[in-house]
Amino acid sequence: MELGLIILLSYLMGSIPFGFILTKIFLKKDIREIGSGNIGATNVLRTGNKMIGYITLSLDILKAIVPLLIIKFNQSEFLFISALSIFLGHVFPLWLKFKGGKGVATYVGMLFCINYILGFIFIFSWFIIFIIFRYSSLSSLIASLTIPIYHFYIIDNNNYYFFIILFILIFYTHRENVKRLINNTESKTKIY
């Protein structure tokens, strides 16, 4: 496969808006008109249907894992560009006028494919912060920041810039959450 095709297919895979599709089919609702208006799993949980929320979470993770495993075992030199394309597809899907999810679940799937230790570090960091503060957004931001720091100091200083770029993108997608956190108006999340 040539690079352009890998980028295109990765973007298209990442752009599948599972939260939007599942809430339309099973709840007959437009997720963009509920809660934060975001198509991701956290907002789907706000519909009150935990099962649809957890399925959205799983599918958003899998849409990164499936293509990245194919790339990893066939053309590993394109792993990072494919991962970035998947992430951008999720955050800026063509199908929804480039207004997608915040990218956290897809990022977790990417981490497990790139280096499963990074995936576990993210989940561990996310849960520790969530248990303390009960804010999904804050947990996501801190866990996302943990990855480039851990990668640079523990794994190696190659490719850590990729994780810095992803942290910046995740911070960008959470900019409204950051404002609400600063103003102490952010909603706490129930995950169970």
N, C-alpha and C. Protein backbone atom coordinates (compact mmCIF):
# COMPACT_ATOMS: atom_id res chain seq x y z
N MET A 1 0.84 -1.18 0.00
CA MET A 1 0.00 0.00 0.00
C MET A 1 0.88 1.24 0.00
N GLU A 2 0.52 2.21 -0.78
CA GLU A 2 1.29 3.44 -0.74
C GLU A 2 0.78 4.35 0.37
N LEU A 3 1.62 5.31 0.74
CA LEU A 3 1.33 6.16 1.90
C LEU A 3 -0.01 6.88 1.79
N GLY A 4 -0.31 7.45 0.64
CA GLY A 4 -1.56 8.19 0.46
C GLY A 4 -2.78 7.33 0.74
N LEU A 5 -2.75 6.09 0.29
CA LEU A 5 -3.87 5.18 0.51
C LEU A 5 -3.98 4.81 1.99
N ILE A 6 -2.85 4.62 2.64
CA ILE A 6 -2.85 4.31 4.08
C ILE A 6 -3.46 5.48 4.86
N ILE A 7 -3.06 6.69 4.52
CA ILE A 7 -3.60 7.88 5.20
C ILE A 7 -5.10 7.98 4.98
N LEU A 8 -5.54 7.80 3.74
CA LEU A 8 -6.97 7.91 3.41
C LEU A 8 -7.79 6.85 4.14
N LEU A 9 -7.37 5.59 4.04
CA LEU A 9 -8.13 4.51 4.68
C LEU A 9 -8.13 4.63 6.20
N SER A 10 -7.02 5.08 6.76
CA SER A 10 -6.93 5.27 8.21
C SER A 10 -7.88 6.39 8.64
N TYR A 11 -7.88 7.48 7.89
CA TYR A 11 -8.78 8.59 8.20
C TYR A 11 -10.24 8.13 8.13
N LEU A 12 -10.58 7.40 7.07
CA LEU A 12 -11.97 6.95 6.90
C LEU A 12 -12.39 6.01 8.02
N MET A 13 -11.49 5.12 8.41
CA MET A 13 -11.80 4.22 9.53
C MET A 13 -12.02 5.01 10.81
N GLY A 14 -11.15 5.97 11.06
CA GLY A 14 -11.28 6.79 12.26
C GLY A 14 -12.52 7.66 12.25
N SER A 15 -13.01 7.99 11.07
CA SER A 15 -14.13 8.93 10.96
C SER A 15 -15.50 8.28 11.14
N ILE A 16 -15.55 6.98 11.35
CA ILE A 16 -16.85 6.32 11.57
C ILE A 16 -17.40 6.81 12.91
N PRO A 17 -18.52 7.54 12.91
CA PRO A 17 -19.04 8.14 14.15
C PRO A 17 -19.97 7.18 14.91
N PHE A 18 -19.38 6.23 15.61
CA PHE A 18 -20.19 5.19 16.26
C PHE A 18 -21.20 5.76 17.26
N GLY A 19 -20.82 6.77 18.04
CA GLY A 19 -21.75 7.36 18.98
C GLY A 19 -22.97 7.93 18.29
N PHE A 20 -22.76 8.60 17.18
CA PHE A 20 -23.85 9.18 16.40
C PHE A 20 -24.74 8.07 15.83
N ILE A 21 -24.10 7.07 15.22
CA ILE A 21 -24.84 5.98 14.57
C ILE A 21 -25.66 5.18 15.59
N LEU A 22 -25.04 4.80 16.69
CA LEU A 22 -25.73 3.97 17.69
C LEU A 22 -26.90 4.69 18.35
N THR A 23 -26.72 5.96 18.68
CA THR A 23 -27.83 6.69 19.31
C THR A 23 -28.96 6.92 18.32
N LYS A 24 -28.63 7.09 17.05
CA LYS A 24 -29.68 7.25 16.02
C LYS A 24 -30.48 5.96 15.87
N ILE A 25 -29.78 4.83 15.78
CA ILE A 25 -30.44 3.54 15.54
C ILE A 25 -31.23 3.07 16.76
N PHE A 26 -30.58 3.07 17.93
CA PHE A 26 -31.19 2.43 19.10
C PHE A 26 -32.00 3.38 19.98
N LEU A 27 -31.65 4.65 20.00
CA LEU A 27 -32.36 5.59 20.86
C LEU A 27 -33.22 6.58 20.07
N LYS A 28 -33.07 6.54 18.75
CA LYS A 28 -33.81 7.47 17.87
C LYS A 28 -33.55 8.92 18.27
N LYS A 29 -32.31 9.21 18.68
CA LYS A 29 -31.91 10.56 19.08
C LYS A 29 -30.66 10.97 18.32
N ASP A 30 -30.46 12.28 18.22
CA ASP A 30 -29.23 12.83 17.65
C ASP A 30 -28.33 13.21 18.82
N ILE A 31 -27.24 12.50 19.00
CA ILE A 31 -26.35 12.71 20.13
C ILE A 31 -25.81 14.13 20.16
N ARG A 32 -25.80 14.80 19.02
CA ARG A 32 -25.30 16.17 18.95
C ARG A 32 -26.25 17.17 19.62
N GLU A 33 -27.43 16.70 19.97
CA GLU A 33 -28.41 17.56 20.64
C GLU A 33 -28.58 17.20 22.12
N ILE A 34 -27.67 16.38 22.63
CA ILE A 34 -27.73 15.91 24.02
C ILE A 34 -26.45 16.33 24.73
N GLY A 35 -26.57 16.73 25.99
CA GLY A 35 -25.40 17.05 26.80
C GLY A 35 -24.48 18.06 26.16
N SER A 36 -23.22 17.65 25.96
CA SER A 36 -22.22 18.55 25.37
C SER A 36 -22.34 18.63 23.85
N GLY A 37 -23.15 17.75 23.25
CA GLY A 37 -23.27 17.72 21.79
C GLY A 37 -22.17 16.92 21.13
N ASN A 38 -21.30 16.35 21.93
CA ASN A 38 -20.18 15.57 21.40
C ASN A 38 -20.64 14.17 21.05
N ILE A 39 -20.00 13.54 20.05
CA ILE A 39 -20.42 12.21 19.60
C ILE A 39 -19.71 11.08 20.34
N GLY A 40 -18.84 11.42 21.28
CA GLY A 40 -18.04 10.41 21.97
C GLY A 40 -18.78 9.67 23.07
N ALA A 41 -18.10 8.66 23.62
CA ALA A 41 -18.70 7.75 24.60
C ALA A 41 -19.15 8.46 25.88
N THR A 42 -18.39 9.45 26.34
CA THR A 42 -18.78 10.14 27.58
C THR A 42 -20.13 10.81 27.41
N ASN A 43 -20.33 11.46 26.28
CA ASN A 43 -21.62 12.12 26.05
C ASN A 43 -22.73 11.09 25.79
N VAL A 44 -22.40 9.99 25.16
CA VAL A 44 -23.40 8.94 24.95
C VAL A 44 -23.88 8.40 26.30
N LEU A 45 -22.98 8.32 27.27
CA LEU A 45 -23.37 7.89 28.62
C LEU A 45 -24.42 8.83 29.21
N ARG A 46 -24.39 10.10 28.81
CA ARG A 46 -25.36 11.08 29.32
C ARG A 46 -26.77 10.83 28.81
N THR A 47 -26.94 9.98 27.80
CA THR A 47 -28.28 9.67 27.31
C THR A 47 -29.03 8.81 28.32
N GLY A 48 -28.30 8.25 29.27
CA GLY A 48 -28.92 7.38 30.26
C GLY A 48 -28.83 5.92 29.88
N ASN A 49 -28.37 5.63 28.67
CA ASN A 49 -28.24 4.25 28.23
C ASN A 49 -26.76 3.84 28.32
N LYS A 50 -26.41 3.26 29.45
CA LYS A 50 -25.01 2.89 29.69
C LYS A 50 -24.50 1.88 28.67
N MET A 51 -25.36 0.95 28.25
CA MET A 51 -24.93 -0.08 27.30
C MET A 51 -24.48 0.56 25.99
N ILE A 52 -25.26 1.50 25.47
CA ILE A 52 -24.88 2.18 24.23
C ILE A 52 -23.60 2.97 24.44
N GLY A 53 -23.44 3.56 25.62
CA GLY A 53 -22.22 4.29 25.95
C GLY A 53 -21.00 3.39 25.94
N TYR A 54 -21.11 2.23 26.55
CA TYR A 54 -19.97 1.31 26.60
C TYR A 54 -19.68 0.67 25.24
N ILE A 55 -20.72 0.44 24.46
CA ILE A 55 -20.50 -0.09 23.10
C ILE A 55 -19.79 0.97 22.25
N THR A 56 -20.21 2.23 22.40
CA THR A 56 -19.54 3.33 21.68
C THR A 56 -18.07 3.38 22.07
N LEU A 57 -17.81 3.30 23.36
CA LEU A 57 -16.43 3.32 23.85
C LEU A 57 -15.62 2.19 23.23
N SER A 58 -16.17 0.99 23.23
CA SER A 58 -15.47 -0.18 22.68
C SER A 58 -15.21 -0.03 21.19
N LEU A 59 -16.21 0.43 20.45
CA LEU A 59 -16.04 0.57 19.00
C LEU A 59 -15.08 1.70 18.66
N ASP A 60 -15.07 2.78 19.44
CA ASP A 60 -14.11 3.86 19.20
C ASP A 60 -12.68 3.41 19.47
N ILE A 61 -12.51 2.50 20.42
CA ILE A 61 -11.19 1.92 20.67
C ILE A 61 -10.81 0.96 19.53
N LEU A 62 -11.77 0.11 19.15
CA LEU A 62 -11.50 -0.89 18.10
C LEU A 62 -11.21 -0.27 16.73
N LYS A 63 -11.82 0.88 16.44
CA LYS A 63 -11.58 1.47 15.12
C LYS A 63 -10.14 1.97 14.99
N ALA A 64 -9.44 2.08 16.09
CA ALA A 64 -8.00 2.36 16.03
C ALA A 64 -7.20 1.06 16.01
N ILE A 65 -7.62 0.10 16.82
CA ILE A 65 -6.85 -1.14 16.95
C ILE A 65 -6.80 -1.93 15.64
N VAL A 66 -7.95 -2.12 15.01
CA VAL A 66 -8.00 -2.99 13.82
C VAL A 66 -7.07 -2.51 12.71
N PRO A 67 -7.19 -1.26 12.24
CA PRO A 67 -6.29 -0.84 11.15
C PRO A 67 -4.83 -0.76 11.59
N LEU A 68 -4.60 -0.36 12.85
CA LEU A 68 -3.21 -0.23 13.28
C LEU A 68 -2.51 -1.58 13.42
N LEU A 69 -3.25 -2.61 13.81
CA LEU A 69 -2.62 -3.94 13.84
C LEU A 69 -2.24 -4.39 12.44
N ILE A 70 -3.11 -4.11 11.48
CA ILE A 70 -2.79 -4.46 10.09
C ILE A 70 -1.53 -3.73 9.64
N ILE A 71 -1.45 -2.44 9.92
CA ILE A 71 -0.27 -1.64 9.54
C ILE A 71 0.96 -2.13 10.30
N LYS A 72 0.81 -2.35 11.60
CA LYS A 72 1.95 -2.74 12.42
C LYS A 72 2.62 -4.02 11.92
N PHE A 73 1.81 -4.98 11.46
CA PHE A 73 2.38 -6.25 11.04
C PHE A 73 2.70 -6.32 9.55
N ASN A 74 2.32 -5.29 8.79
CA ASN A 74 2.60 -5.31 7.36
C ASN A 74 3.49 -4.17 6.89
N GLN A 75 3.27 -2.98 7.41
CA GLN A 75 4.09 -1.82 7.02
C GLN A 75 4.30 -0.93 8.23
N SER A 76 5.07 -1.43 9.18
CA SER A 76 5.22 -0.76 10.47
C SER A 76 5.82 0.64 10.36
N GLU A 77 6.52 0.92 9.27
CA GLU A 77 7.10 2.26 9.12
C GLU A 77 6.03 3.34 8.99
N PHE A 78 4.79 2.94 8.71
CA PHE A 78 3.69 3.90 8.58
C PHE A 78 2.77 3.91 9.81
N LEU A 79 3.20 3.27 10.89
CA LEU A 79 2.34 3.14 12.06
C LEU A 79 1.91 4.50 12.63
N PHE A 80 2.85 5.41 12.79
CA PHE A 80 2.53 6.68 13.42
C PHE A 80 1.67 7.58 12.53
N ILE A 81 1.94 7.58 11.24
CA ILE A 81 1.12 8.40 10.33
C ILE A 81 -0.29 7.83 10.21
N SER A 82 -0.39 6.52 10.24
CA SER A 82 -1.71 5.88 10.22
C SER A 82 -2.48 6.22 11.50
N ALA A 83 -1.79 6.14 12.64
CA ALA A 83 -2.43 6.45 13.93
C ALA A 83 -2.92 7.90 13.95
N LEU A 84 -2.10 8.82 13.48
CA LEU A 84 -2.51 10.22 13.45
C LEU A 84 -3.71 10.42 12.52
N SER A 85 -3.72 9.73 11.41
CA SER A 85 -4.84 9.84 10.46
C SER A 85 -6.14 9.30 11.07
N ILE A 86 -6.06 8.21 11.79
CA ILE A 86 -7.23 7.64 12.48
C ILE A 86 -7.75 8.65 13.50
N PHE A 87 -6.84 9.21 14.28
CA PHE A 87 -7.23 10.18 15.30
C PHE A 87 -7.91 11.39 14.67
N LEU A 88 -7.31 11.92 13.61
CA LEU A 88 -7.89 13.09 12.93
C LEU A 88 -9.25 12.75 12.32
N GLY A 89 -9.41 11.53 11.85
CA GLY A 89 -10.70 11.09 11.33
C GLY A 89 -11.77 11.10 12.40
N HIS A 90 -11.40 10.66 13.59
CA HIS A 90 -12.36 10.64 14.70
C HIS A 90 -12.74 12.06 15.13
N VAL A 91 -11.75 12.92 15.26
CA VAL A 91 -11.98 14.27 15.75
C VAL A 91 -12.63 15.16 14.69
N PHE A 92 -12.26 14.95 13.42
CA PHE A 92 -12.77 15.78 12.32
C PHE A 92 -13.38 14.91 11.22
N PRO A 93 -14.50 14.23 11.50
CA PRO A 93 -15.09 13.33 10.49
C PRO A 93 -15.78 14.10 9.36
N LEU A 94 -15.46 13.71 8.17
CA LEU A 94 -16.06 14.30 6.98
C LEU A 94 -17.58 14.23 7.03
N TRP A 95 -18.11 13.12 7.53
CA TRP A 95 -19.55 12.84 7.52
C TRP A 95 -20.36 13.78 8.40
N LEU A 96 -19.72 14.37 9.41
CA LEU A 96 -20.43 15.23 10.36
C LEU A 96 -19.89 16.66 10.33
N LYS A 97 -19.55 17.11 9.14
CA LYS A 97 -19.04 18.48 8.94
C LYS A 97 -17.82 18.76 9.81
N PHE A 98 -16.99 17.74 9.97
CA PHE A 98 -15.72 17.83 10.69
C PHE A 98 -15.90 18.13 12.19
N LYS A 99 -17.04 17.76 12.75
CA LYS A 99 -17.29 17.93 14.19
C LYS A 99 -17.46 16.56 14.81
N GLY A 100 -16.38 16.02 15.33
CA GLY A 100 -16.43 14.66 15.85
C GLY A 100 -16.24 14.58 17.35
N GLY A 101 -15.64 13.48 17.78
CA GLY A 101 -15.42 13.24 19.19
C GLY A 101 -14.16 13.90 19.69
N LYS A 102 -13.85 13.67 20.94
CA LYS A 102 -12.68 14.30 21.55
C LYS A 102 -11.43 13.46 21.40
N GLY A 103 -11.58 12.22 20.97
CA GLY A 103 -10.44 11.41 20.59
C GLY A 103 -9.84 10.52 21.65
N VAL A 104 -10.35 10.54 22.86
CA VAL A 104 -9.70 9.82 23.95
C VAL A 104 -9.77 8.31 23.77
N ALA A 105 -10.96 7.77 23.48
CA ALA A 105 -11.09 6.31 23.32
C ALA A 105 -10.26 5.83 22.13
N THR A 106 -10.28 6.59 21.05
CA THR A 106 -9.49 6.22 19.88
C THR A 106 -8.00 6.27 20.21
N TYR A 107 -7.61 7.25 21.00
CA TYR A 107 -6.21 7.38 21.44
C TYR A 107 -5.80 6.16 22.26
N VAL A 108 -6.68 5.68 23.12
CA VAL A 108 -6.37 4.50 23.93
C VAL A 108 -6.11 3.29 23.02
N GLY A 109 -6.96 3.11 22.01
CA GLY A 109 -6.74 2.03 21.05
C GLY A 109 -5.40 2.16 20.35
N MET A 110 -5.06 3.38 19.97
CA MET A 110 -3.77 3.64 19.32
C MET A 110 -2.61 3.26 20.24
N LEU A 111 -2.72 3.67 21.50
CA LEU A 111 -1.64 3.39 22.45
C LEU A 111 -1.40 1.89 22.61
N PHE A 112 -2.48 1.12 22.71
CA PHE A 112 -2.32 -0.33 22.87
C PHE A 112 -1.64 -0.95 21.65
N CYS A 113 -1.86 -0.39 20.48
CA CYS A 113 -1.21 -0.92 19.27
C CYS A 113 0.25 -0.50 19.17
N ILE A 114 0.52 0.73 19.54
CA ILE A 114 1.90 1.25 19.44
C ILE A 114 2.78 0.58 20.48
N ASN A 115 2.30 0.55 21.73
CA ASN A 115 3.03 -0.09 22.82
C ASN A 115 2.03 -0.33 23.94
N TYR A 116 1.68 -1.55 24.18
CA TYR A 116 0.60 -1.87 25.12
C TYR A 116 0.88 -1.30 26.52
N ILE A 117 2.15 -1.13 26.88
CA ILE A 117 2.47 -0.54 28.19
C ILE A 117 1.92 0.88 28.26
N LEU A 118 2.02 1.63 27.15
CA LEU A 118 1.47 2.99 27.12
C LEU A 118 -0.04 2.97 27.33
N GLY A 119 -0.70 1.98 26.76
CA GLY A 119 -2.15 1.84 26.95
C GLY A 119 -2.49 1.64 28.41
N PHE A 120 -1.74 0.78 29.09
CA PHE A 120 -2.00 0.53 30.52
C PHE A 120 -1.64 1.75 31.38
N ILE A 121 -0.57 2.45 31.02
CA ILE A 121 -0.20 3.66 31.75
C ILE A 121 -1.32 4.69 31.64
N PHE A 122 -1.88 4.85 30.43
CA PHE A 122 -2.97 5.80 30.22
C PHE A 122 -4.17 5.43 31.09
N ILE A 123 -4.59 4.17 31.02
CA ILE A 123 -5.78 3.73 31.77
C ILE A 123 -5.56 3.88 33.27
N PHE A 124 -4.38 3.48 33.74
CA PHE A 124 -4.07 3.62 35.17
C PHE A 124 -4.13 5.08 35.60
N SER A 125 -3.49 5.96 34.83
CA SER A 125 -3.48 7.39 35.14
C SER A 125 -4.91 7.95 35.12
N TRP A 126 -5.67 7.56 34.09
CA TRP A 126 -7.04 8.06 33.95
C TRP A 126 -7.87 7.68 35.17
N PHE A 127 -7.80 6.41 35.59
CA PHE A 127 -8.61 5.96 36.73
C PHE A 127 -8.19 6.60 38.04
N ILE A 128 -6.90 6.79 38.25
CA ILE A 128 -6.44 7.43 39.49
C ILE A 128 -7.01 8.85 39.57
N ILE A 129 -6.88 9.62 38.50
CA ILE A 129 -7.39 10.99 38.50
C ILE A 129 -8.91 11.00 38.62
N PHE A 130 -9.56 10.06 37.94
CA PHE A 130 -11.03 10.01 37.99
C PHE A 130 -11.53 9.67 39.39
N ILE A 131 -10.88 8.73 40.04
CA ILE A 131 -11.29 8.35 41.41
C ILE A 131 -11.16 9.55 42.35
N ILE A 132 -10.12 10.33 42.16
CA ILE A 132 -9.89 11.48 43.04
C ILE A 132 -10.86 12.63 42.75
N PHE A 133 -11.03 12.97 41.45
CA PHE A 133 -11.77 14.19 41.10
C PHE A 133 -13.14 13.98 40.45
N ARG A 134 -13.38 12.81 39.85
CA ARG A 134 -14.67 12.48 39.20
C ARG A 134 -14.94 13.29 37.92
N TYR A 135 -13.90 13.83 37.31
CA TYR A 135 -14.07 14.54 36.04
C TYR A 135 -13.41 13.72 34.93
N SER A 136 -14.20 13.26 33.98
CA SER A 136 -13.67 12.51 32.85
C SER A 136 -12.69 13.36 32.04
N SER A 137 -13.03 14.63 31.84
CA SER A 137 -12.18 15.51 31.03
C SER A 137 -10.82 15.70 31.68
N LEU A 138 -10.79 15.98 32.96
CA LEU A 138 -9.52 16.17 33.67
C LEU A 138 -8.69 14.89 33.64
N SER A 139 -9.35 13.77 33.83
CA SER A 139 -8.67 12.47 33.78
C SER A 139 -8.03 12.25 32.41
N SER A 140 -8.76 12.57 31.37
CA SER A 140 -8.27 12.39 30.00
C SER A 140 -7.08 13.30 29.72
N LEU A 141 -7.17 14.55 30.16
CA LEU A 141 -6.08 15.51 29.93
C LEU A 141 -4.81 15.09 30.65
N ILE A 142 -4.93 14.73 31.91
CA ILE A 142 -3.73 14.36 32.68
C ILE A 142 -3.14 13.05 32.16
N ALA A 143 -3.99 12.08 31.86
CA ALA A 143 -3.50 10.81 31.32
C ALA A 143 -2.81 11.03 29.98
N SER A 144 -3.35 11.92 29.15
CA SER A 144 -2.75 12.22 27.85
C SER A 144 -1.39 12.91 28.00
N LEU A 145 -1.26 13.73 29.02
CA LEU A 145 0.02 14.40 29.29
C LEU A 145 1.05 13.41 29.85
N THR A 146 0.57 12.43 30.59
CA THR A 146 1.45 11.42 31.18
C THR A 146 2.20 10.62 30.11
N ILE A 147 1.54 10.37 28.98
CA ILE A 147 2.13 9.50 27.95
C ILE A 147 3.42 10.06 27.35
N PRO A 148 3.47 11.32 26.84
CA PRO A 148 4.75 11.79 26.30
C PRO A 148 5.84 11.88 27.36
N ILE A 149 5.46 12.21 28.60
CA ILE A 149 6.46 12.29 29.67
C ILE A 149 7.02 10.89 29.95
N TYR A 150 6.13 9.91 30.10
CA TYR A 150 6.57 8.53 30.35
C TYR A 150 7.41 8.02 29.19
N HIS A 151 6.94 8.26 27.96
CA HIS A 151 7.66 7.78 26.77
C HIS A 151 9.06 8.37 26.72
N PHE A 152 9.19 9.66 26.97
CA PHE A 152 10.49 10.33 26.88
C PHE A 152 11.46 9.83 27.94
N TYR A 153 11.00 9.73 29.18
CA TYR A 153 11.91 9.40 30.28
C TYR A 153 12.09 7.91 30.53
N ILE A 154 11.10 7.11 30.20
CA ILE A 154 11.17 5.68 30.52
C ILE A 154 11.47 4.82 29.30
N ILE A 155 10.78 5.07 28.19
CA ILE A 155 10.96 4.22 27.01
C ILE A 155 12.16 4.70 26.21
N ASP A 156 12.04 5.82 25.54
CA ASP A 156 13.15 6.47 24.84
C ASP A 156 12.68 7.83 24.36
N ASN A 157 13.61 8.61 23.87
CA ASN A 157 13.24 9.95 23.43
C ASN A 157 12.98 10.01 21.92
N ASN A 158 12.80 8.86 21.29
CA ASN A 158 12.39 8.82 19.89
C ASN A 158 10.87 8.77 19.83
N ASN A 159 10.32 9.47 18.91
CA ASN A 159 8.87 9.49 18.65
C ASN A 159 8.03 10.11 19.77
N TYR A 160 8.65 10.64 20.81
CA TYR A 160 7.85 11.25 21.88
C TYR A 160 7.10 12.48 21.35
N TYR A 161 7.65 13.13 20.32
CA TYR A 161 6.99 14.30 19.72
C TYR A 161 5.60 13.92 19.20
N PHE A 162 5.43 12.68 18.74
CA PHE A 162 4.12 12.21 18.28
C PHE A 162 3.11 12.30 19.42
N PHE A 163 3.52 11.88 20.60
CA PHE A 163 2.62 11.89 21.75
C PHE A 163 2.38 13.32 22.26
N ILE A 164 3.33 14.20 22.06
CA ILE A 164 3.11 15.62 22.40
C ILE A 164 2.06 16.20 21.46
N ILE A 165 2.15 15.89 20.17
CA ILE A 165 1.16 16.36 19.19
C ILE A 165 -0.23 15.85 19.58
N LEU A 166 -0.32 14.58 19.95
CA LEU A 166 -1.63 14.02 20.35
C LEU A 166 -2.15 14.68 21.62
N PHE A 167 -1.26 14.97 22.57
CA PHE A 167 -1.70 15.68 23.77
C PHE A 167 -2.25 17.05 23.41
N ILE A 168 -1.57 17.77 22.54
CA ILE A 168 -2.03 19.10 22.11
C ILE A 168 -3.40 19.00 21.44
N LEU A 169 -3.58 17.99 20.60
CA LEU A 169 -4.88 17.80 19.94
C LEU A 169 -5.99 17.46 20.96
N ILE A 170 -5.66 16.62 21.93
CA ILE A 170 -6.65 16.27 22.95
C ILE A 170 -6.96 17.49 23.82
N PHE A 171 -5.95 18.28 24.13
CA PHE A 171 -6.18 19.52 24.87
C PHE A 171 -7.10 20.44 24.06
N TYR A 172 -6.85 20.53 22.75
CA TYR A 172 -7.70 21.35 21.88
C TYR A 172 -9.15 20.87 21.90
N THR A 173 -9.36 19.56 21.80
CA THR A 173 -10.73 19.05 21.78
C THR A 173 -11.43 19.22 23.13
N HIS A 174 -10.64 19.42 24.19
CA HIS A 174 -11.19 19.60 25.53
C HIS A 174 -11.16 21.06 25.98
N ARG A 175 -10.94 21.99 25.06
CA ARG A 175 -10.79 23.40 25.44
C ARG A 175 -12.00 23.94 26.20
N GLU A 176 -13.21 23.53 25.81
CA GLU A 176 -14.40 23.99 26.54
C GLU A 176 -14.46 23.36 27.93
N ASN A 177 -14.03 22.10 28.03
CA ASN A 177 -13.97 21.45 29.34
C ASN A 177 -12.97 22.15 30.25
N VAL A 178 -11.84 22.57 29.67
CA VAL A 178 -10.83 23.28 30.46
C VAL A 178 -11.42 24.57 31.03
N LYS A 179 -12.16 25.30 30.20
CA LYS A 179 -12.80 26.54 30.68
C LYS A 179 -13.77 26.23 31.82
N ARG A 180 -14.55 25.15 31.66
CA ARG A 180 -15.50 24.79 32.72
C ARG A 180 -14.79 24.31 33.98
N LEU A 181 -13.67 23.61 33.81
CA LEU A 181 -12.89 23.19 34.98
C LEU A 181 -12.35 24.41 35.73
N ILE A 182 -11.86 25.38 35.00
CA ILE A 182 -11.33 26.60 35.61
C ILE A 182 -12.44 27.35 36.33
N ASN A 183 -13.63 27.40 35.72
CA ASN A 183 -14.77 28.12 36.30
C ASN A 183 -15.55 27.28 37.31
N ASN A 184 -15.11 26.05 37.53
CA ASN A 184 -15.76 25.12 38.46
C ASN A 184 -17.22 24.83 38.06
N THR A 185 -17.45 24.71 36.74
CA THR A 185 -18.80 24.39 36.24
C THR A 185 -18.83 23.09 35.45
N GLU A 186 -17.73 22.37 35.45
CA GLU A 186 -17.65 21.11 34.71
C GLU A 186 -18.50 20.04 35.40
N SER A 187 -19.21 19.24 34.61
CA SER A 187 -20.04 18.16 35.16
C SER A 187 -19.18 16.97 35.54
N LYS A 188 -19.48 16.40 36.69
CA LYS A 188 -18.81 15.16 37.07
C LYS A 188 -19.48 14.02 36.32
N THR A 189 -18.72 12.95 36.09
CA THR A 189 -19.19 11.85 35.25
C THR A 189 -19.37 10.60 36.10
N LYS A 190 -20.48 9.90 35.84
CA LYS A 190 -20.69 8.58 36.44
C LYS A 190 -20.41 7.56 35.36
N ILE A 191 -19.50 6.63 35.63
CA ILE A 191 -19.15 5.63 34.63
C ILE A 191 -19.75 4.26 34.95
N TYR A 192 -20.50 4.16 35.99
CA TYR A 192 -21.09 2.86 36.37
C TYR A 192 -22.54 3.02 36.67
